[in-house]
């Protein structure tokens, strides 16, 4: 007997792409950290670059 898959069985989990993006970001951070190429920007500089005033 052949069964038709339920629609929810064929659709991707909406959380999966976000989880993959998070895992990729962590992996890239760790790779840059290990290679010594990690470039951090202090909050004050970020705020200045974005034109935000300090609260």
Protein backbone atom coordinates (compact mmCIF):
# COMPACT_ATOMS: atom_id res chain seq x y z
CA UNK A 1 0.00 0.00 0.00
CA UNK A 2 1.42 3.38 -1.06
CA UNK A 3 0.90 6.27 1.35
CA UNK A 4 1.01 9.92 0.43
CA UNK A 5 3.38 11.97 2.60
CA UNK A 6 1.76 14.54 4.85
CA UNK A 7 2.51 18.15 3.88
CA UNK A 8 4.33 18.77 7.17
CA UNK A 9 6.68 15.88 6.32
CA UNK A 10 7.85 17.61 3.15
CA UNK A 11 8.26 21.18 4.40
CA UNK A 12 11.56 22.19 6.01
CA UNK A 13 11.56 23.08 9.67
CA UNK A 14 11.62 26.91 9.81
CA UNK A 15 14.10 26.78 12.71
CA UNK A 16 16.66 24.72 10.79
CA UNK A 17 17.98 27.57 8.58
CA UNK A 18 18.37 29.84 11.62
CA UNK A 19 20.16 27.10 13.54
CA UNK A 20 22.46 26.48 10.57
CA UNK A 21 23.21 30.20 10.28
CA UNK A 22 24.03 30.34 14.01
CA UNK A 23 26.31 27.31 13.76
CA UNK A 24 28.06 28.82 10.73
CA UNK A 25 28.59 32.15 12.52
CA UNK A 26 30.11 30.39 15.54
CA UNK A 27 32.34 28.27 13.30
CA UNK A 28 33.54 31.36 11.41
CA UNK A 29 34.22 33.19 14.69
CA UNK A 30 36.22 30.26 16.07
CA UNK A 31 38.18 29.87 12.82
CA UNK A 32 39.12 33.56 12.79
CA UNK A 33 39.99 33.38 16.49
CA UNK A 34 42.23 30.33 15.92
CA UNK A 35 43.89 31.94 12.89
CA UNK A 36 44.51 35.17 14.79
CA UNK A 37 42.49 37.16 12.27
CA UNK A 38 39.51 37.96 14.53
CA UNK A 39 38.72 41.66 14.26
CA UNK A 40 36.65 42.94 17.21
CA UNK A 41 35.10 46.41 17.36
CA UNK A 42 34.36 48.04 20.74
CA UNK A 43 30.75 49.11 21.40
CA UNK A 44 31.66 52.78 21.51
CA UNK A 45 33.20 52.58 18.04
CA UNK A 46 30.18 50.71 16.67
CA UNK A 47 27.85 53.37 18.07
CA UNK A 48 30.03 56.11 16.54
CA UNK A 49 30.09 54.37 13.14
CA UNK A 50 26.30 54.09 13.24
CA UNK A 51 25.87 57.69 14.37
CA UNK A 52 24.20 56.67 17.64
CA UNK A 53 24.48 58.78 20.72
CA UNK A 54 25.39 57.28 24.06
CA UNK A 55 22.35 56.86 26.29
